[in-house]
Each structure stands twice: as structure tokens, then as C-alpha cells.
């Protein structure tokens, strides 16, 4: 009987023994999870304190004062230089070069002989045709005398007149053929590099040399159709060329195209520049600037001071925010929306939002927000040049 009682209590003791490890496991898991949660909470609070302390620490920025300057509205464009007159010279007919009468790069006058091709038998043909024309002239004079004596009919005289005209036309054609074997300068200018040699066979139209009239020079450029109202013939323009850094050439508009390009909505403009020293050459490109209207006073800032956003452009204005415990003046920033005008070089015109003399942040805006304390350090300031030029290498 005693054995039966022990056997009945044995399953109950087994369940207790199985429950105890599970409870210990749950308690251990709760302690681990609680520790992890507590550690994360501690880290979060410490990060919050650090961020708060960082937000309160003054941020170093560079600044610039908004200034009022004379602002000249200006249109800029890239243009290409071309000669007032220019041509690639080539003989009109084929032949072998007999004589070259020029040097590469020489200045020539209009009509000057540059090159001749071998005449071959062309002079002999010309002499033959001239002889035939003389006979036709003699026959015509004789027949007119006979017509006066009523010895021949008018029809014979008319035929002789036609023969005279035909003979002289053949002489003129042969003379023109001989002249085509002589290449002459069509206008005064400067020659390029010689491209042919004596004894060389030239096909018709083969370029022998280029000729350019270099004074004056034209600059062709395009401007948007919106700028047409600000342009007129005779208006002064300026041009800069990277070949001559720091130098500005002055010219004037000589023509404006009579139509606007339907693809780009731009219009072609041509300006003329004096080039007595021959420094400007066809094919160069130039940056053209055209002043439009009278100069006006504008509030200007460096372009780096503007923070561009889809919802509007802003600046950070530096203002006084009291003093610290040592009596030193505190500075903080305030964000403002601004309206912008034209741009020139490193500068931008501000039409509203900033007053003359106000100090704005020009570098370091990424770490700022409204009310952020700042410290000004202008030892390295962004460029603020109306006409920046690259440094000479």
C-alpha cells in the first residue's frame, strides 16, 4: 500500500521539476530584454543631451554685408569671330602650276597676281581666233562698200556681220580661258599658308591659299528673343577672348538678323570690331557683353549667401541676441525669404528681403536653423566679384 502512495505522488513531483526551469528561463529572458531596453534608453538620452548641447554651441560661419551698388543690366553670349571678307582662293579650271607669286602670310592688294597655270597652246589658239576675227572685219567692210554700189544683197552683209560678231566672241572666250589660268586676289587682305607647289597638277576648285581681310573683324553671336527690345544697330558691345586674358575689346552692333530661329528662339546678331593690329583672327570665340538701359542701384550679395529651395530662396541674417555671462555680445541667425534679380559674376541682386548693411551668412548654412548662435570668421570668405576672371597659370 505504501508503494502505491509513492507511485501516485511521482507524476506531481515531475511536473514541478519541469516548471521550475521554465520559470528561471523566462526570468532570465526578461532580465536580458530589460537590460537591452534600458541600455538603449540610456544611449538615447545621452544622444539627446549631446545633440542639444551641440545645437546650443555657436556655429562658425563667414558673412558679408549687403551693399548697394550700381548695377548695369547686361546680356552675355558666346560668339565666333569671322573676317569682314574672307575666301579660300582656287583656280576655276584644272592645270599645272607654272608660277607662284606670293609668300605665306603676306599682305596683298586687290587684283595682285598670286598664281598662274601653264598656258600650253592657249595663246596660239587665241592668235588663230584673232586672225579669223580680222578677216571677218575686212570682209564685212568690203561687203558694205559693195552694198552701197548695189553689187550685193543686204542678206550677204547681214551674214558677214553675224560672222564678225561670232569671231570676236570666240576671241573673248579664249581670252577669258587664259585669264582663268591666273589666280588674283579678289580684295586686299592677309594670305594664309600656301597649300600648293610649282609643277603640281590642280583640279578645278582646289584651294591654293586662304585670304582674309582682318580689319574690321565681325563677331556673330545669338541672344534670346526677349533681349531684342534692348538691342539696336550702333549699340556698343564688349568682348573678351581667352587668348588675351584681362583685355576687353570694344565694338558696335552692325546688323541684327531679320528672323528668329524657330528651333531655339534665338536671334543672330553681328558686331564689328576694329583690328588694325591683326590680333583677332577668324575662328576665335569670344564672350560678348551688351549693356542695356541705364545703370540702377541694387542691393547685392554673394551668390553663395543664397539657399535655393523649391518653396523659395532664403538667406540667414545675423542679428544680436543679447550678451553672455561675460558681457560679450551674442549673435544668432534668422532665416528670411528673398526675391532675386539679375546675376553678374559672383554677385546676385536682391530685390526684397534684405536691407542695405544687414549681415548675411555666406558659408556654413547647412548647420544652421532659426535662432542658432553663430561665431563669425571671415578669414576665408567666398568670392564676391562682379567680373571674375580665372587666375593666370
Protein backbone atom coordinates (compact mmCIF):
# COMPACT_ATOMS: atom_id res chain seq x y z
CA UNK A 1 0.00 0.00 0.00
CA UNK A 2 2.84 2.32 0.79
CA UNK A 3 4.29 1.67 -2.64
CA UNK A 4 1.01 2.66 -4.25
CA UNK A 5 1.01 6.07 -2.47
CA UNK A 6 4.59 6.81 -3.61
CA UNK A 7 3.70 5.88 -7.14
CA UNK A 8 0.75 8.32 -7.10
CA UNK A 9 2.92 11.32 -5.95
CA UNK A 10 5.65 10.73 -8.52
CA UNK A 11 3.97 12.45 -11.56
CA UNK A 12 3.15 15.54 -9.48
CA UNK A 13 6.83 15.95 -8.45
CA UNK A 14 7.90 15.54 -12.09
CA UNK A 15 5.65 18.43 -13.25
CA UNK A 16 7.08 20.73 -10.55
CA UNK A 17 10.59 19.85 -11.57
CA UNK A 18 9.73 20.70 -15.25
CA UNK A 19 8.06 24.06 -14.39
CA UNK A 20 10.92 25.45 -12.36
CA UNK A 21 13.48 25.61 -15.26
CA UNK A 22 10.89 27.34 -17.46
CA UNK A 23 10.29 30.00 -14.84
CA UNK A 24 14.03 30.54 -14.48
CA UNK A 25 14.33 30.83 -18.29
CA UNK A 26 11.51 33.41 -18.50
CA UNK A 27 13.02 35.45 -15.67
CA UNK A 28 16.46 35.39 -17.31
CA UNK A 29 14.99 36.45 -20.69
CA UNK A 30 13.09 39.28 -19.01
CA UNK A 31 16.28 40.46 -17.32
CA UNK A 32 18.21 40.37 -20.62
CA UNK A 33 15.49 42.21 -22.54
CA UNK A 34 15.11 44.71 -19.73
CA UNK A 35 18.85 45.33 -19.76
CA UNK A 36 18.88 45.84 -23.54
CA UNK A 37 15.90 48.22 -23.37
CA UNK A 38 17.46 50.12 -20.51
CA UNK A 39 20.76 50.45 -22.35
CA UNK A 40 19.04 51.74 -25.49
CA UNK A 41 17.08 54.22 -23.41
CA UNK A 42 20.28 55.37 -21.76
CA UNK A 43 22.02 55.77 -25.13
CA UNK A 44 19.03 57.71 -26.49
CA UNK A 45 19.04 60.12 -23.57
CA UNK A 46 22.77 60.65 -23.84
CA UNK A 47 22.47 61.33 -27.61
CA UNK A 48 19.65 63.76 -26.96
CA UNK A 49 21.76 65.61 -24.41
CA UNK A 50 24.69 65.65 -26.85
CA UNK A 51 22.56 66.95 -29.72
CA UNK A 52 21.01 69.56 -27.50
CA UNK A 53 24.43 70.69 -26.37
CA UNK A 54 25.67 70.75 -29.97
CA UNK A 55 22.64 72.77 -31.08
CA UNK A 56 23.31 75.31 -28.37
CA UNK A 57 27.03 75.58 -29.26
CA UNK A 58 27.79 78.55 -31.54
CA UNK A 59 28.43 77.60 -35.18
CA UNK A 60 31.30 79.20 -37.10
CA UNK A 61 30.23 80.93 -40.31
CA UNK A 62 31.52 83.50 -42.78
CA UNK A 63 29.43 86.56 -43.53
CA UNK A 64 29.08 89.53 -45.84
CA UNK A 65 27.19 92.80 -45.55
CA UNK A 66 24.50 93.57 -48.13
CA UNK A 67 25.74 96.55 -50.13
CA UNK A 68 24.11 98.93 -52.59
CA UNK A 69 25.95 99.05 -55.91
CA UNK A 70 25.46 100.50 -59.36
CA UNK A 71 24.04 97.65 -61.42
CA UNK A 72 24.22 97.67 -65.19
CA UNK A 73 21.83 95.26 -66.88
CA UNK A 74 23.89 93.18 -69.26
CA UNK A 75 23.28 90.41 -71.76
CA UNK A 76 26.06 87.86 -72.28
CA UNK A 77 26.59 85.47 -75.16
CA UNK A 78 29.29 83.36 -76.78
CA UNK A 79 30.25 84.40 -80.29
CA UNK A 80 32.53 83.38 -83.11
CA UNK A 81 34.90 85.69 -84.97
CA UNK A 82 34.91 85.97 -88.74
CA UNK A 83 36.62 88.31 -91.17
CA UNK A 84 34.75 91.14 -92.82
CA UNK A 85 35.73 89.43 -96.08
CA UNK A 86 37.31 86.03 -96.40
CA UNK A 87 37.70 83.38 -99.09
CA UNK A 88 39.57 80.21 -99.92
CA UNK A 89 41.17 81.00 -103.30
CA UNK A 90 41.26 78.35 -106.00
CA UNK A 91 41.67 78.32 -109.82
CA UNK A 92 38.46 77.87 -111.78
CA UNK A 93 39.94 75.38 -114.24
CA UNK A 94 42.36 72.47 -113.96
CA UNK A 95 46.02 72.79 -114.86
CA UNK A 96 49.65 72.52 -113.80
CA UNK A 97 51.06 75.27 -111.57
CA UNK A 98 53.54 77.33 -113.60
CA UNK A 99 54.42 80.14 -111.16
CA UNK A 100 53.62 81.05 -107.54
CA UNK A 101 53.84 84.79 -106.87
CA UNK A 102 53.14 85.04 -103.14
CA UNK A 103 54.55 84.13 -99.74
CA UNK A 104 52.59 82.54 -96.90
CA UNK A 105 51.19 85.14 -94.50
CA UNK A 106 51.84 88.08 -96.83
CA UNK A 107 49.67 91.17 -97.14
CA UNK A 108 48.35 91.57 -100.70
CA UNK A 109 46.42 94.23 -102.60
CA UNK A 110 43.27 93.72 -104.62
CA UNK A 111 44.00 92.32 -108.09
CA UNK A 112 47.51 91.15 -107.27
CA UNK A 113 48.61 88.02 -109.19
CA UNK A 114 49.06 85.06 -106.86
CA UNK A 115 49.41 82.02 -109.11
CA UNK A 116 49.44 81.10 -112.80
CA UNK A 117 48.85 77.79 -114.54
CA UNK A 118 50.71 76.66 -117.64
CA UNK A 119 49.16 78.22 -120.73
CA UNK A 120 50.08 75.33 -123.08
CA UNK A 121 48.64 76.08 -126.56
CA UNK A 122 46.03 78.58 -125.39
CA UNK A 123 47.97 81.67 -126.68
CA UNK A 124 48.31 80.04 -130.11
CA UNK A 125 44.57 79.38 -130.23
CA UNK A 126 43.97 82.99 -129.27
CA UNK A 127 46.17 84.23 -132.11
CA UNK A 128 44.31 81.98 -134.55
CA UNK A 129 40.95 83.30 -133.42
CA UNK A 130 42.15 86.91 -133.58
CA UNK A 131 43.27 86.36 -137.17
CA UNK A 132 39.89 84.93 -138.07
CA UNK A 133 38.22 87.93 -136.46
CA UNK A 134 40.38 90.32 -138.52
CA UNK A 135 39.39 88.56 -141.76
CA UNK A 136 35.74 88.76 -140.75
CA UNK A 137 36.15 92.51 -140.15
CA UNK A 138 37.74 93.02 -143.59
CA UNK A 139 35.01 91.02 -145.36
CA UNK A 140 32.31 92.96 -143.58
CA UNK A 141 33.81 96.35 -144.55
CA UNK A 142 34.21 95.23 -148.18
CA UNK A 143 30.65 93.95 -148.39
CA UNK A 144 29.28 97.21 -147.00
CA UNK A 145 31.07 99.11 -149.79
CA UNK A 146 29.66 96.74 -152.39
CA UNK A 147 26.20 97.11 -150.87
CA UNK A 148 26.47 100.87 -151.33
CA UNK A 149 27.19 100.25 -155.04
CA UNK A 150 24.29 97.77 -155.13
CA UNK A 151 26.66 94.99 -156.12
CA UNK A 152 25.47 92.54 -153.44
CA UNK A 153 22.32 91.99 -151.45
CA UNK A 154 21.59 93.05 -147.86
CA UNK A 155 21.40 89.40 -146.86
CA UNK A 156 25.10 88.91 -147.62
CA UNK A 157 26.03 91.92 -145.49
CA UNK A 158 23.92 90.66 -142.60
CA UNK A 159 25.63 87.27 -142.77
CA UNK A 160 29.04 88.93 -142.71
CA UNK A 161 28.02 90.97 -139.65
CA UNK A 162 26.99 87.81 -137.84
CA UNK A 163 30.34 86.24 -138.76
CA UNK A 164 32.18 89.24 -137.32
CA UNK A 165 30.31 89.03 -134.02
CA UNK A 166 30.90 85.28 -133.79
CA UNK A 167 34.63 85.67 -134.44
CA UNK A 168 35.05 88.37 -131.80
CA UNK A 169 33.02 86.31 -129.30
CA UNK A 170 35.40 83.38 -129.80
CA UNK A 171 38.36 85.69 -129.18
CA UNK A 172 36.75 86.93 -125.94
CA UNK A 173 36.06 83.34 -124.82
CA UNK A 174 39.68 82.34 -125.42
CA UNK A 175 40.96 85.42 -123.56
CA UNK A 176 38.70 84.53 -120.62
CA UNK A 177 40.06 80.99 -120.65
CA UNK A 178 43.62 82.31 -120.45
CA UNK A 179 42.67 84.72 -117.63
CA UNK A 180 41.16 81.84 -115.66
CA UNK A 181 44.62 80.31 -115.51
CA UNK A 182 45.79 83.33 -113.48
CA UNK A 183 44.70 83.45 -109.83
CA UNK A 184 44.37 87.02 -108.47
CA UNK A 185 43.48 88.43 -105.04
CA UNK A 186 39.81 89.50 -105.19
CA UNK A 187 40.34 92.01 -102.35
CA UNK A 188 43.11 93.33 -100.13
CA UNK A 189 43.94 91.24 -97.09
CA UNK A 190 46.31 88.79 -95.47
CA UNK A 191 47.14 85.44 -97.01
CA UNK A 192 47.28 82.20 -95.10
CA UNK A 193 49.63 79.25 -95.61
CA UNK A 194 50.42 78.22 -99.19
CA UNK A 195 48.88 74.83 -99.97
CA UNK A 196 50.31 74.17 -103.47
CA UNK A 197 53.72 73.95 -105.17
CA UNK A 198 55.06 74.72 -108.63
CA UNK A 199 54.63 71.85 -111.03
CA UNK A 200 51.67 70.45 -109.10
CA UNK A 201 48.54 69.49 -111.02
CA UNK A 202 45.47 71.20 -109.62
CA UNK A 203 41.91 70.09 -110.24
CA UNK A 204 39.36 72.86 -110.70
CA UNK A 205 38.36 74.30 -107.31
CA UNK A 206 41.43 73.06 -105.40
CA UNK A 207 42.26 75.62 -102.68
CA UNK A 208 45.66 77.22 -103.13
CA UNK A 209 45.60 79.68 -100.22
CA UNK A 210 43.13 81.47 -97.95
CA UNK A 211 42.71 85.26 -97.98
CA UNK A 212 41.20 87.17 -95.05
CA UNK A 213 40.51 90.88 -94.68
CA UNK A 214 41.22 91.22 -90.94
CA UNK A 215 40.20 94.82 -90.32
CA UNK A 216 37.48 95.09 -89.23
CA UNK A 217 36.51 91.76 -87.67
CA UNK A 218 32.98 90.54 -87.12
CA UNK A 219 31.67 88.64 -84.11
CA UNK A 220 28.50 86.64 -84.71
CA UNK A 221 26.51 85.61 -81.64
CA UNK A 222 22.98 84.67 -80.61
CA UNK A 223 20.72 86.23 -77.97
CA UNK A 224 17.27 85.16 -76.72
CA UNK A 225 14.31 86.80 -78.40
CA UNK A 226 13.46 88.50 -75.08
CA UNK A 227 16.60 90.63 -75.50
CA UNK A 228 15.61 92.02 -78.90
CA UNK A 229 13.89 95.04 -77.37
CA UNK A 230 17.19 96.04 -75.73
CA UNK A 231 19.32 95.84 -78.91
CA UNK A 232 19.80 98.27 -81.78
CA UNK A 233 22.26 98.85 -84.59
CA UNK A 234 25.16 101.02 -83.44
CA UNK A 235 24.92 99.91 -79.80
CA UNK A 236 28.30 99.38 -78.14
CA UNK A 237 29.34 95.87 -77.13
CA UNK A 238 32.34 94.47 -75.29
CA UNK A 239 34.15 91.22 -75.92
CA UNK A 240 36.75 89.20 -74.04
CA UNK A 241 38.91 86.47 -75.56
CA UNK A 242 40.82 83.91 -73.55
CA UNK A 243 43.82 84.41 -75.84
CA UNK A 244 44.23 87.85 -74.26
CA UNK A 245 43.18 87.46 -70.60
CA UNK A 246 42.22 90.63 -68.79
CA UNK A 247 41.78 92.63 -72.01
CA UNK A 248 38.41 93.92 -73.22
CA UNK A 249 37.70 94.77 -76.87
CA UNK A 250 35.04 97.32 -77.76
CA UNK A 251 32.87 97.18 -80.88
CA UNK A 252 29.40 98.02 -82.12
CA UNK A 253 26.38 96.12 -83.45
CA UNK A 254 26.22 96.40 -87.24
CA UNK A 255 23.29 94.11 -88.02
CA UNK A 256 20.50 92.08 -86.41
CA UNK A 257 19.05 89.13 -88.28
CA UNK A 258 15.60 89.64 -89.76
CA UNK A 259 14.20 86.42 -88.29
CA UNK A 260 14.26 84.43 -85.06
CA UNK A 261 15.36 80.80 -85.18
CA UNK A 262 12.16 78.80 -84.67
CA UNK A 263 14.03 75.92 -83.01
CA UNK A 264 16.00 77.83 -80.36
CA UNK A 265 14.01 81.12 -80.29
CA UNK A 266 17.32 82.96 -80.56
CA UNK A 267 18.27 85.70 -82.99
CA UNK A 268 21.66 86.18 -84.64
CA UNK A 269 23.48 89.45 -84.05
CA UNK A 270 26.69 90.72 -85.69
CA UNK A 271 29.09 93.20 -84.14
CA UNK A 272 32.11 94.86 -85.74
CA UNK A 273 35.49 95.31 -84.01
CA UNK A 274 38.49 97.31 -85.19
CA UNK A 275 41.54 95.07 -85.70
CA UNK A 276 44.33 97.25 -87.02
CA UNK A 277 46.96 95.23 -85.13
CA UNK A 278 45.66 91.94 -86.63
CA UNK A 279 45.50 90.22 -83.23
CA UNK A 280 41.96 88.92 -83.78
CA UNK A 281 41.70 86.01 -86.19
CA UNK A 282 38.72 84.27 -87.83
CA UNK A 283 37.52 81.22 -85.95
CA UNK A 284 38.29 82.52 -82.45
CA UNK A 285 35.43 82.51 -79.97
CA UNK A 286 34.62 85.44 -77.72
CA UNK A 287 32.42 86.21 -74.73
CA UNK A 288 30.25 89.17 -75.70
CA UNK A 289 28.64 91.55 -73.20
CA UNK A 290 25.96 94.07 -74.17
CA UNK A 291 24.90 96.77 -71.74
CA UNK A 292 21.17 97.52 -71.84
CA UNK A 293 19.47 100.51 -70.27
CA UNK A 294 20.87 102.94 -67.71
CA UNK A 295 22.66 101.74 -64.54
CA UNK A 296 20.43 101.33 -61.46
CA UNK A 297 21.15 100.96 -57.75
CA UNK A 298 20.71 97.40 -56.46
CA UNK A 299 21.23 95.57 -53.17
CA UNK A 300 23.82 92.88 -53.91
CA UNK A 301 25.01 89.74 -52.13
CA UNK A 302 27.47 86.97 -52.98
CA UNK A 303 25.63 84.14 -54.71
CA UNK A 304 26.87 81.72 -52.03
CA UNK A 305 24.66 83.53 -49.49
CA UNK A 306 21.50 82.24 -51.19
CA UNK A 307 19.97 78.91 -50.21
CA UNK A 308 17.89 77.75 -53.17
CA UNK A 309 14.75 75.76 -52.34
CA UNK A 310 11.68 74.63 -54.33
CA UNK A 311 9.45 76.63 -51.99
CA UNK A 312 11.55 79.80 -52.19
CA UNK A 313 15.04 81.22 -51.86
CA UNK A 314 16.31 82.12 -48.37
CA UNK A 315 19.22 83.74 -46.57
CA UNK A 316 20.37 83.69 -42.94
CA UNK A 317 20.62 87.18 -41.46
CA UNK A 318 22.92 87.64 -38.45
CA UNK A 319 21.29 89.54 -35.57
CA UNK A 320 22.22 90.41 -31.98
CA UNK A 321 20.74 88.12 -29.31
CA UNK A 322 21.90 89.71 -26.05
CA UNK A 323 25.08 89.08 -24.07
CA UNK A 324 26.58 86.07 -22.33
CA UNK A 325 27.65 85.76 -18.68
CA UNK A 326 30.91 87.52 -19.51
CA UNK A 327 29.14 90.51 -21.07
CA UNK A 328 30.18 89.52 -24.59
CA UNK A 329 27.67 90.14 -27.36
CA UNK A 330 25.86 87.08 -28.68
CA UNK A 331 24.95 86.60 -32.32
CA UNK A 332 22.22 84.41 -33.78
CA UNK A 333 20.73 83.90 -37.24
CA UNK A 334 17.25 84.38 -38.61
CA UNK A 335 16.09 82.80 -41.85
CA UNK A 336 14.38 85.07 -44.40
CA UNK A 337 12.82 84.60 -47.80
CA UNK A 338 14.27 86.83 -50.54
CA UNK A 339 13.36 87.82 -54.09
CA UNK A 340 16.28 87.74 -56.52
CA UNK A 341 17.06 89.80 -59.61
CA UNK A 342 19.82 89.55 -62.19
CA UNK A 343 23.18 87.90 -61.66
CA UNK A 344 26.64 89.05 -62.64
CA UNK A 345 29.82 87.17 -61.85
CA UNK A 346 29.80 86.09 -58.20
CA UNK A 347 27.02 88.53 -57.27
CA UNK A 348 23.23 88.44 -57.30
CA UNK A 349 20.81 91.35 -56.97
CA UNK A 350 18.23 91.11 -54.15
CA UNK A 351 15.00 92.99 -54.80
CA UNK A 352 13.38 92.27 -51.41
CA UNK A 353 14.04 90.51 -48.11
CA UNK A 354 17.37 92.11 -47.19
CA UNK A 355 18.22 95.73 -46.44
CA UNK A 356 21.45 97.56 -47.12
CA UNK A 357 24.03 96.97 -44.40
CA UNK A 358 22.47 93.79 -42.98
CA UNK A 359 24.94 90.97 -42.43
CA UNK A 360 24.12 87.61 -44.03
CA UNK A 361 25.80 84.21 -43.84
CA UNK A 362 27.79 83.33 -46.95
CA UNK A 363 29.19 79.93 -45.86
CA UNK A 364 28.08 77.34 -43.30
CA UNK A 365 24.30 77.47 -43.88
CA UNK A 366 23.92 73.67 -43.77
CA UNK A 367 24.37 73.59 -39.98
CA UNK A 368 22.02 76.49 -39.21
CA UNK A 369 18.39 76.94 -38.27
CA UNK A 370 16.37 79.80 -36.87
CA UNK A 371 17.93 81.07 -33.63
CA UNK A 372 21.23 79.20 -33.96
CA UNK A 373 24.08 81.04 -32.24
CA UNK A 374 26.98 81.81 -34.54
CA UNK A 375 30.57 82.97 -34.42
CA UNK A 376 31.85 84.95 -37.41
CA UNK A 377 35.15 84.01 -39.05
CA UNK A 378 35.82 85.83 -42.32
CA UNK A 379 39.41 84.78 -42.78
CA UNK A 380 38.29 82.65 -45.75
CA UNK A 381 35.37 84.33 -47.49
CA UNK A 382 33.58 83.30 -50.72
CA UNK A 383 34.27 85.33 -53.87
CA UNK A 384 32.20 88.46 -54.42
CA UNK A 385 33.48 89.82 -57.73
CA UNK A 386 31.21 91.37 -60.35
CA UNK A 387 33.60 90.30 -63.12
CA UNK A 388 35.57 87.27 -62.01
CA UNK A 389 38.45 86.09 -64.17
CA UNK A 390 40.33 82.81 -63.91
CA UNK A 391 43.80 83.08 -62.37
CA UNK A 392 46.72 83.17 -64.78
CA UNK A 393 48.56 79.89 -64.86
